[in-house]
Amino acid sequence: MSLEDRVTDLESQLAFQDDTIQSLSDVLATQQRAVERLQLQMAALLKRQEEMAGQFETFEEEAPPPHY
């Protein structure tokens, strides 16, 4: 294999690797945005659950009606 063929082969490999790295970077950025969105949704759900639990605790702490 001549030096020119070897350089051409290396350039081809480099171009393929650059494309692969860019594709992986794009996928990673998309997944990061999805994770951040899910974290915000989870925080909102936890807050809502705590609020709901607070409402149920007030009912449980009340004394039973006098007819019991």
N, C-alpha and C. Protein backbone atom coordinates (compact mmCIF):
# COMPACT_ATOMS: atom_id res chain seq x y z
N MET A 1 0.86 -1.17 0.00
CA MET A 1 0.00 0.00 0.00
C MET A 1 0.91 1.24 0.00
N SER A 2 0.62 2.14 -0.89
CA SER A 2 1.47 3.33 -1.00
C SER A 2 1.14 4.34 0.09
N LEU A 3 2.01 5.26 0.27
CA LEU A 3 1.83 6.29 1.29
C LEU A 3 0.57 7.12 1.01
N GLU A 4 0.35 7.40 -0.26
CA GLU A 4 -0.84 8.18 -0.64
C GLU A 4 -2.12 7.41 -0.31
N ASP A 5 -2.14 6.11 -0.56
CA ASP A 5 -3.31 5.28 -0.23
C ASP A 5 -3.54 5.26 1.28
N ARG A 6 -2.48 5.16 2.02
CA ARG A 6 -2.59 5.13 3.48
C ARG A 6 -3.14 6.45 4.01
N VAL A 7 -2.66 7.56 3.48
CA VAL A 7 -3.15 8.87 3.91
C VAL A 7 -4.63 9.02 3.54
N THR A 8 -5.00 8.60 2.35
CA THR A 8 -6.39 8.66 1.92
C THR A 8 -7.27 7.82 2.84
N ASP A 9 -6.80 6.63 3.19
CA ASP A 9 -7.54 5.75 4.11
C ASP A 9 -7.70 6.40 5.48
N LEU A 10 -6.63 7.00 5.98
CA LEU A 10 -6.70 7.68 7.28
C LEU A 10 -7.66 8.88 7.24
N GLU A 11 -7.65 9.63 6.16
CA GLU A 11 -8.57 10.76 6.01
C GLU A 11 -10.02 10.28 5.99
N SER A 12 -10.25 9.16 5.32
CA SER A 12 -11.59 8.59 5.27
C SER A 12 -12.05 8.16 6.66
N GLN A 13 -11.16 7.49 7.39
CA GLN A 13 -11.50 7.07 8.74
C GLN A 13 -11.77 8.28 9.64
N LEU A 14 -10.98 9.31 9.51
CA LEU A 14 -11.15 10.51 10.32
C LEU A 14 -12.50 11.17 10.02
N ALA A 15 -12.86 11.24 8.75
CA ALA A 15 -14.14 11.83 8.39
C ALA A 15 -15.30 11.02 8.98
N PHE A 16 -15.19 9.69 8.92
CA PHE A 16 -16.23 8.82 9.49
C PHE A 16 -16.32 9.03 11.00
N GLN A 17 -15.17 9.11 11.67
CA GLN A 17 -15.15 9.30 13.12
C GLN A 17 -15.74 10.66 13.50
N ASP A 18 -15.41 11.68 12.75
CA ASP A 18 -15.97 13.01 13.01
C ASP A 18 -17.49 12.99 12.89
N ASP A 19 -18.00 12.33 11.87
CA ASP A 19 -19.45 12.22 11.68
C ASP A 19 -20.09 11.45 12.83
N THR A 20 -19.45 10.36 13.24
CA THR A 20 -19.97 9.56 14.34
C THR A 20 -19.98 10.35 15.64
N ILE A 21 -18.92 11.07 15.92
CA ILE A 21 -18.84 11.88 17.13
C ILE A 21 -19.93 12.96 17.12
N GLN A 22 -20.14 13.60 15.98
CA GLN A 22 -21.19 14.63 15.90
C GLN A 22 -22.57 14.02 16.12
N SER A 23 -22.81 12.85 15.55
CA SER A 23 -24.10 12.18 15.75
C SER A 23 -24.32 11.83 17.22
N LEU A 24 -23.28 11.31 17.86
CA LEU A 24 -23.39 10.97 19.28
C LEU A 24 -23.61 12.23 20.12
N SER A 25 -22.95 13.30 19.77
CA SER A 25 -23.12 14.56 20.49
C SER A 25 -24.55 15.07 20.36
N ASP A 26 -25.12 14.97 19.17
CA ASP A 26 -26.50 15.40 18.96
C ASP A 26 -27.47 14.57 19.80
N VAL A 27 -27.26 13.26 19.82
CA VAL A 27 -28.12 12.38 20.61
C VAL A 27 -27.98 12.69 22.10
N LEU A 28 -26.77 12.90 22.54
CA LEU A 28 -26.53 13.22 23.94
C LEU A 28 -27.21 14.53 24.33
N ALA A 29 -27.15 15.53 23.49
CA ALA A 29 -27.81 16.81 23.77
C ALA A 29 -29.32 16.64 23.85
N THR A 30 -29.89 15.85 22.96
CA THR A 30 -31.33 15.58 22.98
C THR A 30 -31.72 14.86 24.27
N GLN A 31 -30.93 13.87 24.65
CA GLN A 31 -31.23 13.13 25.88
C GLN A 31 -31.08 14.02 27.11
N GLN A 32 -30.11 14.90 27.11
CA GLN A 32 -29.93 15.81 28.24
C GLN A 32 -31.13 16.72 28.41
N ARG A 33 -31.66 17.23 27.29
CA ARG A 33 -32.86 18.07 27.36
C ARG A 33 -34.04 17.27 27.90
N ALA A 34 -34.16 16.02 27.48
CA ALA A 34 -35.24 15.17 27.97
C ALA A 34 -35.09 14.90 29.46
N VAL A 35 -33.89 14.65 29.91
CA VAL A 35 -33.64 14.40 31.34
C VAL A 35 -33.98 15.64 32.16
N GLU A 36 -33.58 16.80 31.69
CA GLU A 36 -33.88 18.04 32.40
C GLU A 36 -35.39 18.27 32.48
N ARG A 37 -36.09 18.00 31.38
CA ARG A 37 -37.55 18.15 31.38
C ARG A 37 -38.19 17.17 32.36
N LEU A 38 -37.72 15.94 32.38
CA LEU A 38 -38.25 14.94 33.31
C LEU A 38 -37.95 15.30 34.76
N GLN A 39 -36.79 15.89 35.02
CA GLN A 39 -36.46 16.30 36.38
C GLN A 39 -37.41 17.40 36.84
N LEU A 40 -37.73 18.33 35.97
CA LEU A 40 -38.69 19.39 36.32
C LEU A 40 -40.08 18.81 36.59
N GLN A 41 -40.48 17.86 35.76
CA GLN A 41 -41.78 17.22 35.97
C GLN A 41 -41.81 16.44 37.27
N MET A 42 -40.72 15.76 37.59
CA MET A 42 -40.64 14.99 38.82
C MET A 42 -40.71 15.91 40.03
N ALA A 43 -40.01 17.04 39.98
CA ALA A 43 -40.06 17.99 41.08
C ALA A 43 -41.47 18.52 41.27
N ALA A 44 -42.16 18.81 40.18
CA ALA A 44 -43.53 19.30 40.27
C ALA A 44 -44.44 18.22 40.87
N LEU A 45 -44.25 16.98 40.47
CA LEU A 45 -45.07 15.88 41.01
C LEU A 45 -44.80 15.67 42.50
N LEU A 46 -43.54 15.76 42.90
CA LEU A 46 -43.22 15.61 44.32
C LEU A 46 -43.85 16.72 45.15
N LYS A 47 -43.80 17.94 44.63
CA LYS A 47 -44.42 19.06 45.33
C LYS A 47 -45.92 18.84 45.45
N ARG A 48 -46.53 18.40 44.37
CA ARG A 48 -47.99 18.15 44.37
C ARG A 48 -48.33 17.03 45.35
N GLN A 49 -47.50 15.99 45.39
CA GLN A 49 -47.75 14.88 46.31
C GLN A 49 -47.65 15.35 47.76
N GLU A 50 -46.67 16.19 48.05
CA GLU A 50 -46.53 16.71 49.41
C GLU A 50 -47.73 17.55 49.79
N GLU A 51 -48.23 18.35 48.85
CA GLU A 51 -49.42 19.15 49.12
C GLU A 51 -50.63 18.26 49.38
N MET A 52 -50.77 17.22 48.58
CA MET A 52 -51.90 16.30 48.74
C MET A 52 -51.78 15.54 50.06
N ALA A 53 -50.57 15.13 50.41
CA ALA A 53 -50.36 14.40 51.67
C ALA A 53 -50.70 15.31 52.84
N GLY A 54 -50.38 16.60 52.73
CA GLY A 54 -50.72 17.55 53.78
C GLY A 54 -52.22 17.67 53.97
N GLN A 55 -52.99 17.61 52.90
CA GLN A 55 -54.44 17.67 53.00
C GLN A 55 -55.00 16.44 53.69
N PHE A 56 -54.45 15.27 53.38
CA PHE A 56 -54.96 14.04 53.99
C PHE A 56 -54.58 13.94 55.46
N GLU A 57 -53.43 14.46 55.82
CA GLU A 57 -53.01 14.41 57.21
C GLU A 57 -53.94 15.23 58.09
N THR A 58 -54.45 16.34 57.60
CA THR A 58 -55.34 17.16 58.41
C THR A 58 -56.64 16.42 58.69
N PHE A 59 -57.11 15.63 57.74
CA PHE A 59 -58.33 14.87 57.97
C PHE A 59 -58.10 13.75 58.97
N GLU A 60 -56.95 13.11 58.92
CA GLU A 60 -56.66 12.00 59.81
C GLU A 60 -56.44 12.46 61.24
N GLU A 61 -55.95 13.67 61.42
CA GLU A 61 -55.65 14.16 62.76
C GLU A 61 -56.90 14.64 63.48
N GLU A 62 -57.98 14.86 62.78
CA GLU A 62 -59.20 15.32 63.41
C GLU A 62 -59.79 14.23 64.29
N ALA A 63 -60.40 14.66 65.35
CA ALA A 63 -61.05 13.70 66.27
C ALA A 63 -62.28 13.12 65.59
N PRO A 64 -62.65 11.91 65.98
CA PRO A 64 -63.86 11.32 65.37
C PRO A 64 -65.10 12.09 65.81
N PRO A 65 -66.15 12.01 65.03
CA PRO A 65 -67.38 12.72 65.38
C PRO A 65 -67.90 12.25 66.75
N PRO A 66 -68.69 13.07 67.44
CA PRO A 66 -69.14 12.74 68.79
C PRO A 66 -70.04 11.51 68.89
N HIS A 67 -70.67 11.10 67.80
CA HIS A 67 -71.58 9.96 67.89
C HIS A 67 -70.83 8.61 67.94
N TYR A 68 -69.49 8.60 67.91
CA TYR A 68 -68.76 7.35 67.99
C TYR A 68 -68.48 6.99 69.42
